[in-house]
Amino acid sequence: MNKSYASLSAEAVSLEKSGEFFKATQLWRQAEKLARGANTDWSNQRASFCHCAYKRSKQEKKS
């Protein structure tokens, strides 16, 4: 079953809140492909944020 932009973005937000930034990045990228208008930019920005948060969390674990 194909998911909609709304369901993908809602799931991504939930993952962000639980700190699962890698999975959230993947969902935001999927949502971006389905997005229209301003949602395209929003999805891209959220994916970038989650990717950076994921990288930051990996660096903190090394310390």
Protein backbone atom coordinates (compact mmCIF):
# COMPACT_ATOMS: atom_id res chain seq x y z
CA MET A 1 0.00 0.00 0.00
CA ASN A 2 1.34 3.42 -0.94
CA LYS A 3 1.46 6.01 1.78
CA SER A 4 0.41 9.62 1.38
CA TYR A 5 2.47 12.71 2.10
CA ALA A 6 0.38 13.30 5.23
CA SER A 7 0.93 9.83 6.66
CA LEU A 8 4.66 9.83 5.88
CA SER A 9 5.20 13.25 7.41
CA ALA A 10 3.17 12.34 10.52
CA GLU A 11 5.25 9.21 10.98
CA ALA A 12 8.47 11.18 10.45
CA VAL A 13 7.43 13.71 13.12
CA SER A 14 6.75 10.87 15.54
CA LEU A 15 10.19 9.40 14.85
CA GLU A 16 11.83 12.79 15.37
CA LYS A 17 10.13 13.14 18.75
CA SER A 18 11.44 9.75 19.81
CA GLY A 19 14.97 10.60 18.64
CA GLU A 20 15.04 8.16 15.73
CA PHE A 21 16.60 10.63 13.33
CA PHE A 22 17.95 8.16 10.78
CA LYS A 23 14.51 6.67 10.14
CA ALA A 24 12.94 10.14 10.20
CA THR A 25 15.38 11.30 7.53
CA GLN A 26 14.35 8.42 5.29
CA LEU A 27 10.65 9.15 5.72
CA TRP A 28 11.07 12.87 5.10
CA ARG A 29 12.88 12.04 1.84
CA GLN A 30 10.01 9.78 0.81
CA ALA A 31 7.50 12.46 1.76
CA GLU A 32 9.42 15.04 -0.27
CA LYS A 33 8.80 12.99 -3.43
CA LEU A 34 5.05 13.20 -2.82
CA ALA A 35 4.97 16.80 -1.59
CA ARG A 36 3.54 19.75 -3.47
CA GLY A 37 4.24 23.46 -3.09
CA ALA A 38 5.70 24.62 0.20
CA ASN A 39 5.59 21.08 1.57
CA THR A 40 8.43 20.19 -0.81
CA ASP A 41 10.77 22.71 0.81
CA TRP A 42 9.52 21.80 4.29
CA SER A 43 10.20 18.09 3.74
CA ASN A 44 13.67 18.85 2.42
CA GLN A 45 14.48 21.06 5.41
CA ARG A 46 13.21 18.46 7.89
CA ALA A 47 15.22 15.71 6.19
CA SER A 48 18.36 17.87 6.38
CA PHE A 49 17.71 18.67 10.04
CA CYS A 50 17.18 15.00 10.91
CA HIS A 51 20.29 13.97 9.01
CA CYS A 52 22.38 16.50 10.94
CA ALA A 53 20.79 15.43 14.23
CA TYR A 54 21.60 11.81 13.42
CA LYS A 55 25.23 12.64 12.66
CA ARG A 56 25.47 14.71 15.85
CA SER A 57 24.05 11.89 17.94
CA LYS A 58 26.60 9.44 16.51
CA GLN A 59 29.44 11.83 17.39
CA GLU A 60 28.14 12.29 20.93
CA LYS A 61 28.08 8.52 21.45
CA LYS A 62 31.76 8.31 20.46
CA SER A 63 32.75 10.85 23.13
